[in-house]
C-alpha atoms as a PDB file:
ATOM      1  CA  MET A   1      79.961  33.312-103.375  1.00  0.00           C
ATOM      2  CA  PRO A   2      83.544  32.059-103.435  1.00  0.00           C
ATOM      3  CA  PRO A   3      84.061  28.598-101.929  1.00  0.00           C
ATOM      4  CA  SER A   4      86.441  30.028 -99.311  1.00  0.00           C
ATOM      5  CA  VAL A   5      83.625  32.043 -97.725  1.00  0.00           C
ATOM      6  CA  PRO A   6      81.957  30.006 -94.969  1.00  0.00           C
ATOM      7  CA  GLN A   7      78.189  29.758 -94.915  1.00  0.00           C
ATOM      8  CA  ALA A   8      76.587  32.076 -92.380  1.00  0.00           C
ATOM      9  CA  ASP A   9      73.703  31.126 -90.160  1.00  0.00           C
ATOM     10  CA  PRO A  10      70.547  32.285 -92.020  1.00  0.00           C
ATOM     11  CA  MET A  11      69.152  33.727 -88.773  1.00  0.00           C
ATOM     12  CA  GLN A  12      72.322  35.794 -88.273  1.00  0.00           C
ATOM     13  CA  THR A  13      72.195  36.948 -91.874  1.00  0.00           C
ATOM     14  CA  SER A  14      68.565  38.004 -91.526  1.00  0.00           C
ATOM     15  CA  ALA A  15      69.175  39.818 -88.226  1.00  0.00           C
ATOM     16  CA  ALA A  16      72.287  41.595 -89.515  1.00  0.00           C
ATOM     17  CA  ALA A  17      70.488  42.625 -92.705  1.00  0.00           C
ATOM     18  CA  ALA A  18      67.553  44.026 -90.723  1.00  0.00           C
ATOM     19  CA  GLN A  19      69.890  46.048 -88.497  1.00  0.00           C
ATOM     20  CA  LEU A  20      71.854  47.312 -91.488  1.00  0.00           C
ATOM     21  CA  MET A  21      68.643  48.305 -93.284  1.00  0.00           C
ATOM     22  CA  LYS A  22      67.716  50.380 -90.234  1.00  0.00           C
ATOM     23  CA  LEU A  23      71.119  52.081 -90.167  1.00  0.00           C
ATOM     24  CA  LEU A  24      70.985  52.797 -93.907  1.00  0.00           C
ATOM     25  CA  ALA A  25      67.442  54.163 -93.672  1.00  0.00           C
ATOM     26  CA  GLU A  26      68.580  56.533 -90.916  1.00  0.00           C
ATOM     27  CA  PHE A  27      71.651  57.587 -92.969  1.00  0.00           C
ATOM     28  CA  ASN A  28      73.640  56.540 -89.906  1.00  0.00           C
ATOM     29  CA  PRO A  29      77.393  56.622 -90.558  1.00  0.00           C
ATOM     30  CA  GLY A  30      77.679  53.622 -88.202  1.00  0.00           C
ATOM     31  CA  ALA A  31      76.494  51.548 -91.166  1.00  0.00           C
ATOM     32  CA  VAL A  32      80.073  51.534 -92.472  1.00  0.00           C
ATOM     33  CA  GLU A  33      81.517  50.011 -89.309  1.00  0.00           C
ATOM     34  CA  PHE A  34      78.539  47.660 -88.932  1.00  0.00           C
ATOM     35  CA  THR A  35      79.013  46.330 -92.468  1.00  0.00           C
ATOM     36  CA  GLU A  36      82.699  45.676 -91.869  1.00  0.00           C
ATOM     37  CA  ALA A  37      82.128  44.103 -88.432  1.00  0.00           C
ATOM     38  CA  ASN A  38      79.324  41.845 -89.704  1.00  0.00           C
ATOM     39  CA  GLU A  39      80.788  40.835 -93.059  1.00  0.00           C
ATOM     40  CA  ALA A  40      80.514  37.103 -92.317  1.00  0.00           C
ATOM     41  CA  ALA A  41      76.778  37.366 -91.677  1.00  0.00           C
ATOM     42  CA  LEU A  42      76.035  39.847 -94.477  1.00  0.00           C
ATOM     43  CA  ARG A  43      78.216  38.477 -97.251  1.00  0.00           C
ATOM     44  CA  PRO A  44      75.764  35.746 -98.340  1.00  0.00           C
ATOM     45  CA  LEU A  45      73.256  38.405 -99.417  1.00  0.00           C
ATOM     46  CA  PRO A  46      74.842  40.042-102.482  1.00  0.00           C
ATOM     47  CA  HIS A  47      75.897  37.424-105.038  1.00  0.00           C
ATOM     48  CA  GLY A  48      79.348  37.107-106.568  1.00  0.00           C
ATOM     49  CA  ASP A  49      81.131  40.391-107.171  1.00  0.00           C
ATOM     50  CA  SER A  50      78.177  42.320-105.771  1.00  0.00           C
ATOM     51  CA  TRP A  51      79.656  42.217-102.246  1.00  0.00           C
ATOM     52  CA  GLY A  52      82.573  44.464-103.182  1.00  0.00           C
ATOM     53  CA  GLN A  53      80.275  46.879-104.976  1.00  0.00           C
ATOM     54  CA  PHE A  54      77.902  46.903-102.020  1.00  0.00           C
ATOM     55  CA  VAL A  55      80.709  47.641 -99.545  1.00  0.00           C
ATOM     56  CA  LYS A  56      81.950  50.493-101.757  1.00  0.00           C
ATOM     57  CA  LEU A  57      78.462  52.032-101.717  1.00  0.00           C
ATOM     58  CA  VAL A  58      78.301  51.854 -97.925  1.00  0.00           C
ATOM     59  CA  GLN A  59      81.853  53.166 -97.481  1.00  0.00           C
ATOM     60  CA  GLY A  60      81.050  56.001 -99.893  1.00  0.00           C
ATOM     61  CA  TYR A  61      77.948  56.891 -97.849  1.00  0.00           C
ATOM     62  CA  ALA A  62      75.696  56.094-100.829  1.00  0.00           C
ATOM     63  CA  PHE A  63      73.184  54.740 -98.337  1.00  0.00           C
ATOM     64  CA  ALA A  64      70.083  54.965-100.542  1.00  0.00           C
ATOM     65  CA  GLU A  65      71.746  52.896-103.263  1.00  0.00           C
ATOM     66  CA  ALA A  66      73.138  50.436-100.715  1.00  0.00           C
ATOM     67  CA  GLN A  67      69.708  50.101 -99.133  1.00  0.00           C
ATOM     68  CA  ALA A  68      68.157  49.355-102.536  1.00  0.00           C
ATOM     69  CA  GLN A  69      70.793  46.669-103.229  1.00  0.00           C
ATOM     70  CA  LEU A  70      70.324  45.142 -99.777  1.00  0.00           C
ATOM     71  CA  HIS A  71      66.554  45.081-100.217  1.00  0.00           C
ATOM     72  CA  GLN A  72      66.933  43.357-103.603  1.00  0.00           C
ATOM     73  CA  ALA A  73      69.335  40.806-102.124  1.00  0.00           C
ATOM     74  CA  GLN A  74      66.950  40.086 -99.239  1.00  0.00           C
ATOM     75  CA  THR A  75      64.068  39.612-101.682  1.00  0.00           C
ATOM     76  CA  GLU A  76      66.137  37.176-103.763  1.00  0.00           C
ATOM     77  CA  LEU A  77      67.200  35.270-100.657  1.00  0.00           C
ATOM     78  CA  GLU A  78      63.596  34.983 -99.449  1.00  0.00           C
ATOM     79  CA  ALA A  79      62.548  33.650-102.861  1.00  0.00           C
ATOM     80  CA  LEU A  80      65.065  30.817-102.502  1.00  0.00           C
ATOM     81  CA  LYS A  81      63.520  29.587 -99.248  1.00  0.00           C
END
């Protein structure tokens, strides 16, 4: 994560990720807007350049792939706790 990106509250990150997982699982096009609106909370999940790739998947409606990446990122984050 670049140093210019502020740290998000872990509770907000977890809540935003759970909501986004639900939207992705439902193939809900609102996932695109949700991702953009909640970038600050979600950005800590994918590491490094993965955020841009993740956003491209969501914006391209590749929800299954985005969901898999988000799940992996959540698993990695949980392992760090």
